[in-house]
All heavy atoms as atom14 arrays in JSON, in Angstrom:
{
  "sequence": "TLHGAEAFGTDAPALCFSEVTEEARRAMLRDGVGRGRYEPWSLVLHRR",
  "atom14_mask": [
    [1, 1, 1, 1, 1, 1, 1, 0, 0, 0, 0, 0, 0, 0],
    [1, 1, 1, 1, 1, 1, 1, 1, 0, 0, 0, 0, 0, 0],
    [1, 1, 1, 1, 1, 1, 1, 1, 1, 1, 0, 0, 0, 0],
    [1, 1, 1, 1, 0, 0, 0, 0, 0, 0, 0, 0, 0, 0],
    [1, 1, 1, 1, 1, 0, 0, 0, 0, 0, 0, 0, 0, 0],
    [1, 1, 1, 1, 1, 1, 1, 1, 1, 0, 0, 0, 0, 0],
    [1, 1, 1, 1, 1, 0, 0, 0, 0, 0, 0, 0, 0, 0],
    [1, 1, 1, 1, 1, 1, 1, 1, 1, 1, 1, 0, 0, 0],
    [1, 1, 1, 1, 0, 0, 0, 0, 0, 0, 0, 0, 0, 0],
    [1, 1, 1, 1, 1, 1, 1, 0, 0, 0, 0, 0, 0, 0],
    [1, 1, 1, 1, 1, 1, 1, 1, 0, 0, 0, 0, 0, 0],
    [1, 1, 1, 1, 1, 0, 0, 0, 0, 0, 0, 0, 0, 0],
    [1, 1, 1, 1, 1, 1, 1, 0, 0, 0, 0, 0, 0, 0],
    [1, 1, 1, 1, 1, 0, 0, 0, 0, 0, 0, 0, 0, 0],
    [1, 1, 1, 1, 1, 1, 1, 1, 0, 0, 0, 0, 0, 0],
    [1, 1, 1, 1, 1, 1, 0, 0, 0, 0, 0, 0, 0, 0],
    [1, 1, 1, 1, 1, 1, 1, 1, 1, 1, 1, 0, 0, 0],
    [1, 1, 1, 1, 1, 1, 0, 0, 0, 0, 0, 0, 0, 0],
    [1, 1, 1, 1, 1, 1, 1, 1, 1, 0, 0, 0, 0, 0],
    [1, 1, 1, 1, 1, 1, 1, 0, 0, 0, 0, 0, 0, 0],
    [1, 1, 1, 1, 1, 1, 1, 0, 0, 0, 0, 0, 0, 0],
    [1, 1, 1, 1, 1, 1, 1, 1, 1, 0, 0, 0, 0, 0],
    [1, 1, 1, 1, 1, 1, 1, 1, 1, 0, 0, 0, 0, 0],
    [1, 1, 1, 1, 1, 0, 0, 0, 0, 0, 0, 0, 0, 0],
    [1, 1, 1, 1, 1, 1, 1, 1, 1, 1, 1, 0, 0, 0],
    [1, 1, 1, 1, 1, 1, 1, 1, 1, 1, 1, 0, 0, 0],
    [1, 1, 1, 1, 1, 0, 0, 0, 0, 0, 0, 0, 0, 0],
    [1, 1, 1, 1, 1, 1, 1, 1, 0, 0, 0, 0, 0, 0],
    [1, 1, 1, 1, 1, 1, 1, 1, 0, 0, 0, 0, 0, 0],
    [1, 1, 1, 1, 1, 1, 1, 1, 1, 1, 1, 0, 0, 0],
    [1, 1, 1, 1, 1, 1, 1, 1, 0, 0, 0, 0, 0, 0],
    [1, 1, 1, 1, 0, 0, 0, 0, 0, 0, 0, 0, 0, 0],
    [1, 1, 1, 1, 1, 1, 1, 0, 0, 0, 0, 0, 0, 0],
    [1, 1, 1, 1, 0, 0, 0, 0, 0, 0, 0, 0, 0, 0],
    [1, 1, 1, 1, 1, 1, 1, 1, 1, 1, 1, 0, 0, 0],
    [1, 1, 1, 1, 0, 0, 0, 0, 0, 0, 0, 0, 0, 0],
    [1, 1, 1, 1, 1, 1, 1, 1, 1, 1, 1, 0, 0, 0],
    [1, 1, 1, 1, 1, 1, 1, 1, 1, 1, 1, 1, 0, 0],
    [1, 1, 1, 1, 1, 1, 1, 1, 1, 0, 0, 0, 0, 0],
    [1, 1, 1, 1, 1, 1, 1, 0, 0, 0, 0, 0, 0, 0],
    [1, 1, 1, 1, 1, 1, 1, 1, 1, 1, 1, 1, 1, 1],
    [1, 1, 1, 1, 1, 1, 0, 0, 0, 0, 0, 0, 0, 0],
    [1, 1, 1, 1, 1, 1, 1, 1, 0, 0, 0, 0, 0, 0],
    [1, 1, 1, 1, 1, 1, 1, 0, 0, 0, 0, 0, 0, 0],
    [1, 1, 1, 1, 1, 1, 1, 1, 0, 0, 0, 0, 0, 0],
    [1, 1, 1, 1, 1, 1, 1, 1, 1, 1, 0, 0, 0, 0],
    [1, 1, 1, 1, 1, 1, 1, 1, 1, 1, 1, 0, 0, 0],
    [1, 1, 1, 1, 1, 1, 1, 1, 1, 1, 1, 0, 0, 0]
  ],
  "atom14_positions": [
    [[119.95, 95.24, 96.71], [119.38, 95.61, 97.97], [118.8, 97.0, 97.96], [119.4, 97.93, 97.38], [120.44, 95.58, 99.1], [121.03, 94.28, 99.07], [119.89, 95.85, 100.44], [0.0, 0.0, 0.0], [0.0, 0.0, 0.0], [0.0, 0.0, 0.0], [0.0, 0.0, 0.0], [0.0, 0.0, 0.0], [0.0, 0.0, 0.0], [0.0, 0.0, 0.0]],
    [[117.63, 97.16, 98.61], [117.07, 98.45, 98.82], [117.34, 98.89, 100.27], [117.15, 98.09, 101.16], [115.53, 98.45, 98.62], [115.03, 98.3, 97.17], [113.56, 97.98, 97.17], [115.34, 99.51, 96.39], [0.0, 0.0, 0.0], [0.0, 0.0, 0.0], [0.0, 0.0, 0.0], [0.0, 0.0, 0.0], [0.0, 0.0, 0.0], [0.0, 0.0, 0.0]],
    [[117.8, 100.08, 100.49], [118.06, 100.56, 101.86], [117.14, 101.7, 102.11], [117.02, 102.6, 101.34], [119.52, 100.98, 101.98], [120.49, 99.9, 101.82], [120.78, 99.03, 102.87], [121.25, 99.51, 100.77], [121.67, 98.12, 102.45], [121.97, 98.42, 101.19], [0.0, 0.0, 0.0], [0.0, 0.0, 0.0], [0.0, 0.0, 0.0], [0.0, 0.0, 0.0]],
    [[116.55, 101.68, 103.31], [115.65, 102.76, 103.67], [116.44, 103.93, 104.17], [117.66, 103.84, 104.43], [0.0, 0.0, 0.0], [0.0, 0.0, 0.0], [0.0, 0.0, 0.0], [0.0, 0.0, 0.0], [0.0, 0.0, 0.0], [0.0, 0.0, 0.0], [0.0, 0.0, 0.0], [0.0, 0.0, 0.0], [0.0, 0.0, 0.0], [0.0, 0.0, 0.0]],
    [[115.76, 105.02, 104.26], [116.32, 106.27, 104.76], [115.34, 106.9, 105.77], [114.12, 106.68, 105.63], [116.64, 107.28, 103.67], [0.0, 0.0, 0.0], [0.0, 0.0, 0.0], [0.0, 0.0, 0.0], [0.0, 0.0, 0.0], [0.0, 0.0, 0.0], [0.0, 0.0, 0.0], [0.0, 0.0, 0.0], [0.0, 0.0, 0.0], [0.0, 0.0, 0.0]],
    [[115.82, 107.62, 106.71], [114.94, 108.28, 107.68], [114.16, 109.35, 106.91], [114.74, 110.09, 106.1], [115.73, 108.91, 108.83], [116.36, 107.85, 109.7], [117.19, 108.45, 110.81], [117.16, 109.68, 111.01], [117.96, 107.71, 111.45], [0.0, 0.0, 0.0], [0.0, 0.0, 0.0], [0.0, 0.0, 0.0], [0.0, 0.0, 0.0], [0.0, 0.0, 0.0]],
    [[112.88, 109.35, 107.07], [112.04, 110.28, 106.3], [110.86, 110.7, 107.16], [110.43, 110.04, 108.06], [111.57, 109.64, 105.04], [0.0, 0.0, 0.0], [0.0, 0.0, 0.0], [0.0, 0.0, 0.0], [0.0, 0.0, 0.0], [0.0, 0.0, 0.0], [0.0, 0.0, 0.0], [0.0, 0.0, 0.0], [0.0, 0.0, 0.0], [0.0, 0.0, 0.0]],
    [[110.31, 111.86, 106.78], [109.07, 112.35, 107.34], [109.09, 112.46, 108.88], [108.15, 112.08, 109.56], [107.89, 111.52, 106.87], [107.85, 111.29, 105.42], [108.11, 110.06, 104.86], [107.6, 112.34, 104.56], [108.11, 109.85, 103.49], [107.64, 112.17, 103.15], [107.87, 110.97, 102.66], [0.0, 0.0, 0.0], [0.0, 0.0, 0.0], [0.0, 0.0, 0.0]],
    [[110.22, 112.89, 109.46], [110.29, 113.09, 110.9], [110.45, 111.81, 111.71], [110.18, 111.8, 112.87], [0.0, 0.0, 0.0], [0.0, 0.0, 0.0], [0.0, 0.0, 0.0], [0.0, 0.0, 0.0], [0.0, 0.0, 0.0], [0.0, 0.0, 0.0], [0.0, 0.0, 0.0], [0.0, 0.0, 0.0], [0.0, 0.0, 0.0], [0.0, 0.0, 0.0]],
    [[110.82, 110.7, 111.09], [110.99, 109.45, 111.82], [112.47, 109.26, 112.14], [113.35, 109.87, 111.55], [110.53, 108.24, 110.95], [111.41, 108.05, 109.84], [109.09, 108.42, 110.52], [0.0, 0.0, 0.0], [0.0, 0.0, 0.0], [0.0, 0.0, 0.0], [0.0, 0.0, 0.0], [0.0, 0.0, 0.0], [0.0, 0.0, 0.0], [0.0, 0.0, 0.0]],
    [[112.73, 108.3, 113.06], [114.13, 107.97, 113.31], [114.43, 106.56, 112.9], [115.42, 105.96, 113.31], [114.4, 108.17, 114.78], [113.54, 107.29, 115.74], [112.63, 106.6, 115.21], [113.78, 107.35, 116.94], [0.0, 0.0, 0.0], [0.0, 0.0, 0.0], [0.0, 0.0, 0.0], [0.0, 0.0, 0.0], [0.0, 0.0, 0.0], [0.0, 0.0, 0.0]],
    [[113.54, 105.96, 112.07], [113.78, 104.59, 111.55], [113.79, 104.67, 110.05], [113.09, 105.5, 109.46], [112.65, 103.7, 112.02], [0.0, 0.0, 0.0], [0.0, 0.0, 0.0], [0.0, 0.0, 0.0], [0.0, 0.0, 0.0], [0.0, 0.0, 0.0], [0.0, 0.0, 0.0], [0.0, 0.0, 0.0], [0.0, 0.0, 0.0], [0.0, 0.0, 0.0]],
    [[114.57, 103.85, 109.4], [114.61, 103.87, 107.94], [113.33, 103.42, 107.35], [112.65, 102.52, 107.86], [115.81, 102.93, 107.58], [115.97, 102.09, 108.78], [115.53, 102.92, 109.97], [0.0, 0.0, 0.0], [0.0, 0.0, 0.0], [0.0, 0.0, 0.0], [0.0, 0.0, 0.0], [0.0, 0.0, 0.0], [0.0, 0.0, 0.0], [0.0, 0.0, 0.0]],
    [[112.94, 104.0, 106.26], [111.72, 103.62, 105.54], [112.0, 103.57, 104.03], [112.85, 104.3, 103.53], [110.61, 104.63, 105.83], [0.0, 0.0, 0.0], [0.0, 0.0, 0.0], [0.0, 0.0, 0.0], [0.0, 0.0, 0.0], [0.0, 0.0, 0.0], [0.0, 0.0, 0.0], [0.0, 0.0, 0.0], [0.0, 0.0, 0.0], [0.0, 0.0, 0.0]],
    [[111.24, 102.75, 103.35], [111.25, 102.72, 101.86], [109.9, 103.21, 101.42], [108.87, 102.85, 101.95], [111.49, 101.28, 101.37], [112.84, 100.65, 101.58], [112.81, 99.16, 101.3], [113.84, 101.34, 100.71], [0.0, 0.0, 0.0], [0.0, 0.0, 0.0], [0.0, 0.0, 0.0], [0.0, 0.0, 0.0], [0.0, 0.0, 0.0], [0.0, 0.0, 0.0]],
    [[109.96, 103.98, 100.36], [108.68, 104.48, 99.82], [108.34, 103.81, 98.45], [109.18, 103.71, 97.61], [108.76, 106.01, 99.55], [108.98, 106.9, 101.13], [0.0, 0.0, 0.0], [0.0, 0.0, 0.0], [0.0, 0.0, 0.0], [0.0, 0.0, 0.0], [0.0, 0.0, 0.0], [0.0, 0.0, 0.0], [0.0, 0.0, 0.0], [0.0, 0.0, 0.0]],
    [[107.11, 103.37, 98.39], [106.65, 102.73, 97.14], [105.35, 103.49, 96.72], [104.5, 103.77, 97.59], [106.3, 101.27, 97.33], [107.52, 100.42, 97.66], [107.88, 100.16, 98.92], [108.3, 99.91, 96.62], [109.01, 99.4, 99.22], [109.41, 99.19, 96.87], [109.81, 98.89, 98.16], [0.0, 0.0, 0.0], [0.0, 0.0, 0.0], [0.0, 0.0, 0.0]],
    [[105.18, 103.69, 95.46], [103.98, 104.34, 94.93], [103.06, 103.29, 94.37], [103.52, 102.44, 93.64], [104.34, 105.35, 93.85], [105.13, 106.39, 94.36], [0.0, 0.0, 0.0], [0.0, 0.0, 0.0], [0.0, 0.0, 0.0], [0.0, 0.0, 0.0], [0.0, 0.0, 0.0], [0.0, 0.0, 0.0], [0.0, 0.0, 0.0], [0.0, 0.0, 0.0]],
    [[101.81, 103.43, 94.65], [100.81, 102.54, 94.11], [100.1, 103.3, 92.98], [99.14, 103.96, 93.19], [99.77, 102.17, 95.16], [100.28, 101.33, 96.23], [99.17, 100.89, 97.2], [98.53, 101.8, 97.79], [98.88, 99.69, 97.33], [0.0, 0.0, 0.0], [0.0, 0.0, 0.0], [0.0, 0.0, 0.0], [0.0, 0.0, 0.0], [0.0, 0.0, 0.0]],
    [[100.77, 103.31, 91.82], [100.25, 104.0, 90.7], [100.08, 103.1, 89.47], [100.86, 102.14, 89.31], [101.14, 105.23, 90.29], [101.13, 106.26, 91.39], [102.58, 104.79, 89.98], [0.0, 0.0, 0.0], [0.0, 0.0, 0.0], [0.0, 0.0, 0.0], [0.0, 0.0, 0.0], [0.0, 0.0, 0.0], [0.0, 0.0, 0.0], [0.0, 0.0, 0.0]],
    [[99.14, 103.33, 88.65], [98.93, 102.61, 87.44], [100.05, 102.96, 86.45], [100.72, 103.99, 86.59], [97.58, 102.88, 86.84], [97.52, 104.26, 86.44], [96.46, 102.56, 87.76], [0.0, 0.0, 0.0], [0.0, 0.0, 0.0], [0.0, 0.0, 0.0], [0.0, 0.0, 0.0], [0.0, 0.0, 0.0], [0.0, 0.0, 0.0], [0.0, 0.0, 0.0]],
    [[100.17, 102.17, 85.4], [101.13, 102.47, 84.34], [100.83, 103.79, 83.71], [101.71, 104.59, 83.44], [101.1, 101.4, 83.26], [102.18, 101.52, 82.22], [102.24, 100.35, 81.28], [101.81, 99.27, 81.61], [102.75, 100.62, 80.17], [0.0, 0.0, 0.0], [0.0, 0.0, 0.0], [0.0, 0.0, 0.0], [0.0, 0.0, 0.0], [0.0, 0.0, 0.0]],
    [[99.59, 104.12, 83.48], [99.19, 105.42, 82.88], [99.55, 106.55, 83.86], [100.08, 107.62, 83.41], [97.71, 105.47, 82.59], [97.34, 106.72, 81.84], [95.88, 106.69, 81.33], [95.39, 105.61, 81.06], [95.3, 107.79, 81.23], [0.0, 0.0, 0.0], [0.0, 0.0, 0.0], [0.0, 0.0, 0.0], [0.0, 0.0, 0.0], [0.0, 0.0, 0.0]],
    [[99.4, 106.41, 85.15], [99.72, 107.42, 86.11], [101.21, 107.61, 86.13], [101.71, 108.76, 86.24], [99.23, 107.08, 87.5], [0.0, 0.0, 0.0], [0.0, 0.0, 0.0], [0.0, 0.0, 0.0], [0.0, 0.0, 0.0], [0.0, 0.0, 0.0], [0.0, 0.0, 0.0], [0.0, 0.0, 0.0], [0.0, 0.0, 0.0], [0.0, 0.0, 0.0]],
    [[102.0, 106.52, 86.01], [103.52, 106.65, 85.95], [103.88, 107.48, 84.78], [104.76, 108.38, 84.87], [104.17, 105.3, 85.93], [104.17, 104.52, 87.2], [105.15, 103.35, 87.21], [104.86, 102.37, 86.17], [104.15, 101.3, 86.31], [103.53, 101.03, 87.43], [103.98, 100.47, 85.33], [0.0, 0.0, 0.0], [0.0, 0.0, 0.0], [0.0, 0.0, 0.0]],
    [[103.27, 107.22, 83.66], [103.55, 108.03, 82.43], [103.3, 109.48, 82.66], [104.06, 110.35, 82.24], [102.85, 107.51, 81.25], [103.41, 106.26, 80.67], [102.79, 105.93, 79.28], [102.67, 104.51, 79.16], [101.52, 103.84, 79.04], [100.38, 104.46, 79.05], [101.53, 102.54, 78.93], [0.0, 0.0, 0.0], [0.0, 0.0, 0.0], [0.0, 0.0, 0.0]],
    [[102.16, 109.76, 83.31], [101.76, 111.19, 83.58], [102.8, 111.81, 84.53], [103.16, 112.99, 84.37], [100.38, 111.26, 84.14], [0.0, 0.0, 0.0], [0.0, 0.0, 0.0], [0.0, 0.0, 0.0], [0.0, 0.0, 0.0], [0.0, 0.0, 0.0], [0.0, 0.0, 0.0], [0.0, 0.0, 0.0], [0.0, 0.0, 0.0], [0.0, 0.0, 0.0]],
    [[103.22, 111.07, 85.54], [104.21, 111.6, 86.47], [105.51, 112.01, 85.77], [106.17, 112.97, 86.12], [104.48, 110.63, 87.59], [103.31, 110.42, 88.53], [103.49, 108.99, 89.62], [104.58, 109.69, 90.87], [0.0, 0.0, 0.0], [0.0, 0.0, 0.0], [0.0, 0.0, 0.0], [0.0, 0.0, 0.0], [0.0, 0.0, 0.0], [0.0, 0.0, 0.0]],
    [[105.89, 111.16, 84.8], [107.16, 111.45, 84.06], [106.96, 112.55, 83.05], [107.8, 113.4, 82.86], [107.6, 110.18, 83.34], [107.96, 109.01, 84.17], [108.21, 107.8, 83.34], [109.19, 109.3, 85.06], [0.0, 0.0, 0.0], [0.0, 0.0, 0.0], [0.0, 0.0, 0.0], [0.0, 0.0, 0.0], [0.0, 0.0, 0.0], [0.0, 0.0, 0.0]],
    [[105.79, 112.62, 82.45], [105.54, 113.57, 81.35], [105.1, 114.95, 81.93], [105.67, 115.97, 81.51], [104.41, 113.02, 80.46], [104.01, 113.89, 79.28], [102.84, 113.36, 78.52], [101.65, 113.31, 79.37], [100.98, 112.21, 79.68], [101.33, 111.06, 79.19], [99.91, 112.29, 80.49], [0.0, 0.0, 0.0], [0.0, 0.0, 0.0], [0.0, 0.0, 0.0]],
    [[104.15, 114.92, 82.84], [103.53, 116.21, 83.31], [103.94, 116.57, 84.75], [103.82, 117.68, 85.16], [101.99, 116.11, 83.24], [101.52, 115.72, 81.85], [102.12, 116.17, 80.85], [100.52, 114.96, 81.79], [0.0, 0.0, 0.0], [0.0, 0.0, 0.0], [0.0, 0.0, 0.0], [0.0, 0.0, 0.0], [0.0, 0.0, 0.0], [0.0, 0.0, 0.0]],
    [[104.21, 115.57, 85.51], [104.54, 115.78, 86.94], [103.24, 115.87, 87.73], [102.17, 115.83, 87.21], [0.0, 0.0, 0.0], [0.0, 0.0, 0.0], [0.0, 0.0, 0.0], [0.0, 0.0, 0.0], [0.0, 0.0, 0.0], [0.0, 0.0, 0.0], [0.0, 0.0, 0.0], [0.0, 0.0, 0.0], [0.0, 0.0, 0.0], [0.0, 0.0, 0.0]],
    [[103.42, 115.97, 89.03], [102.33, 116.14, 89.95], [102.75, 117.13, 91.03], [103.69, 116.93, 91.73], [101.91, 114.82, 90.63], [101.15, 113.93, 89.63], [103.06, 114.06, 91.2], [0.0, 0.0, 0.0], [0.0, 0.0, 0.0], [0.0, 0.0, 0.0], [0.0, 0.0, 0.0], [0.0, 0.0, 0.0], [0.0, 0.0, 0.0], [0.0, 0.0, 0.0]],
    [[102.09, 118.21, 91.1], [102.4, 119.2, 92.19], [103.74, 119.85, 92.05], [103.91, 121.02, 91.61], [0.0, 0.0, 0.0], [0.0, 0.0, 0.0], [0.0, 0.0, 0.0], [0.0, 0.0, 0.0], [0.0, 0.0, 0.0], [0.0, 0.0, 0.0], [0.0, 0.0, 0.0], [0.0, 0.0, 0.0], [0.0, 0.0, 0.0], [0.0, 0.0, 0.0]],
    [[104.84, 119.14, 92.42], [106.17, 119.74, 92.44], [106.91, 119.69, 91.11], [108.0, 120.2, 91.0], [107.04, 118.96, 93.48], [106.5, 119.18, 94.87], [107.36, 118.48, 95.84], [107.15, 117.02, 95.75], [107.75, 116.12, 96.51], [108.58, 116.53, 97.42], [107.45, 114.82, 96.36], [0.0, 0.0, 0.0], [0.0, 0.0, 0.0], [0.0, 0.0, 0.0]],
    [[106.36, 119.0, 90.11], [107.03, 118.92, 88.83], [107.13, 117.48, 88.37], [106.61, 116.55, 89.0], [0.0, 0.0, 0.0], [0.0, 0.0, 0.0], [0.0, 0.0, 0.0], [0.0, 0.0, 0.0], [0.0, 0.0, 0.0], [0.0, 0.0, 0.0], [0.0, 0.0, 0.0], [0.0, 0.0, 0.0], [0.0, 0.0, 0.0], [0.0, 0.0, 0.0]],
    [[107.91, 117.27, 87.32], [108.03, 115.96, 86.69], [109.01, 115.07, 87.49], [109.99, 115.56, 88.0], [108.51, 116.05, 85.23], [107.51, 116.75, 84.32], [107.95, 116.7, 82.94], [109.41, 117.0, 82.8], [110.05, 117.0, 81.71], [109.47, 116.77, 80.53], [111.36, 117.3, 81.65], [0.0, 0.0, 0.0], [0.0, 0.0, 0.0], [0.0, 0.0, 0.0]],
    [[108.71, 113.78, 87.48], [109.61, 112.81, 88.07], [110.66, 112.42, 87.0], [110.35, 112.41, 85.81], [108.85, 111.55, 88.48], [108.19, 111.65, 89.8], [107.12, 112.54, 90.05], [108.65, 110.89, 90.87], [106.53, 112.66, 91.22], [108.0, 111.03, 92.11], [106.97, 111.88, 92.28], [106.4, 111.97, 93.54], [0.0, 0.0, 0.0], [0.0, 0.0, 0.0]],
    [[111.84, 112.12, 87.45], [112.87, 111.65, 86.53], [112.62, 110.17, 86.2], [112.03, 109.44, 87.06], [114.26, 111.86, 87.15], [114.53, 113.34, 87.34], [116.02, 113.58, 87.55], [116.87, 112.95, 86.86], [116.32, 114.37, 88.41], [0.0, 0.0, 0.0], [0.0, 0.0, 0.0], [0.0, 0.0, 0.0], [0.0, 0.0, 0.0], [0.0, 0.0, 0.0]],
    [[113.04, 109.68, 85.05], [112.66, 108.35, 84.63], [113.48, 107.21, 85.22], [113.84, 106.27, 84.54], [112.83, 108.41, 83.1], [113.95, 109.35, 82.96], [113.74, 110.42, 84.0], [0.0, 0.0, 0.0], [0.0, 0.0, 0.0], [0.0, 0.0, 0.0], [0.0, 0.0, 0.0], [0.0, 0.0, 0.0], [0.0, 0.0, 0.0], [0.0, 0.0, 0.0]],
    [[113.8, 107.29, 86.49], [114.64, 106.26, 87.14], [113.84, 105.69, 88.32], [113.6, 106.37, 89.3], [115.97, 106.83, 87.65], [116.69, 107.57, 86.53], [116.79, 108.88, 86.39], [117.31, 106.97, 85.39], [117.49, 109.18, 85.28], [117.8, 107.99, 84.63], [117.5, 105.64, 85.01], [118.52, 107.78, 83.45], [118.17, 105.46, 83.84], [118.68, 106.48, 83.07]],
    [[113.48, 104.46, 88.2], [112.68, 103.79, 89.22], [112.76, 102.3, 89.15], [113.26, 101.76, 88.12], [111.21, 104.25, 89.13], [110.65, 103.81, 87.91], [0.0, 0.0, 0.0], [0.0, 0.0, 0.0], [0.0, 0.0, 0.0], [0.0, 0.0, 0.0], [0.0, 0.0, 0.0], [0.0, 0.0, 0.0], [0.0, 0.0, 0.0], [0.0, 0.0, 0.0]],
    [[112.33, 101.64, 90.16], [112.27, 100.18, 90.18], [110.85, 99.79, 90.34], [110.14, 100.32, 91.2], [113.06, 99.72, 91.43], [113.45, 98.29, 91.58], [114.36, 97.88, 90.41], [114.17, 98.08, 92.86], [0.0, 0.0, 0.0], [0.0, 0.0, 0.0], [0.0, 0.0, 0.0], [0.0, 0.0, 0.0], [0.0, 0.0, 0.0], [0.0, 0.0, 0.0]],
    [[110.35, 98.98, 89.43], [108.97, 98.5, 89.44], [108.99, 97.1, 89.93], [109.6, 96.19, 89.34], [108.31, 98.6, 88.06], [106.9, 98.14, 88.09], [108.38, 100.05, 87.54], [0.0, 0.0, 0.0], [0.0, 0.0, 0.0], [0.0, 0.0, 0.0], [0.0, 0.0, 0.0], [0.0, 0.0, 0.0], [0.0, 0.0, 0.0], [0.0, 0.0, 0.0]],
    [[108.27, 96.88, 91.03], [108.26, 95.54, 91.66], [106.82, 94.99, 91.63], [105.86, 95.72, 91.86], [108.75, 95.64, 93.13], [110.15, 96.24, 93.3], [110.39, 96.56, 94.74], [111.22, 95.28, 92.77], [0.0, 0.0, 0.0], [0.0, 0.0, 0.0], [0.0, 0.0, 0.0], [0.0, 0.0, 0.0], [0.0, 0.0, 0.0], [0.0, 0.0, 0.0]],
    [[106.72, 93.68, 91.45], [105.44, 93.05, 91.53], [104.96, 93.01, 93.01], [105.69, 92.58, 93.86], [105.51, 91.63, 90.93], [105.74, 91.58, 89.5], [104.77, 91.82, 88.56], [106.86, 91.37, 88.8], [105.29, 91.73, 87.38], [106.59, 91.49, 87.47], [0.0, 0.0, 0.0], [0.0, 0.0, 0.0], [0.0, 0.0, 0.0], [0.0, 0.0, 0.0]],
    [[103.77, 93.48, 93.2], [103.2, 93.54, 94.54], [103.28, 92.23, 95.28], [103.76, 92.15, 96.39], [101.71, 94.01, 94.48], [101.04, 94.06, 95.79], [99.56, 94.36, 95.64], [99.34, 95.68, 95.13], [99.25, 96.79, 95.82], [99.36, 96.74, 97.1], [99.08, 97.97, 95.27], [0.0, 0.0, 0.0], [0.0, 0.0, 0.0], [0.0, 0.0, 0.0]],
    [[102.88, 91.15, 94.64], [102.82, 89.86, 95.27], [104.22, 89.42, 95.66], [104.44, 88.89, 96.75], [102.23, 88.84, 94.35], [101.91, 87.49, 95.03], [101.12, 86.54, 94.15], [99.83, 87.07, 93.75], [98.75, 87.05, 94.45], [98.7, 86.58, 95.66], [97.61, 87.53, 93.93], [0.0, 0.0, 0.0], [0.0, 0.0, 0.0], [0.0, 0.0, 0.0]]
  ]
}
């Protein structure tokens, strides 16, 4: 089960999903974006 958490000033739980390509995921892990590198722990789900 995935459980949402209140985020971004809301009072309802939300789940965040990134729409990134495989190459972009590699870059996020290797180089980071803005705030730094992402840790290699994630769940990849088929959109459909």
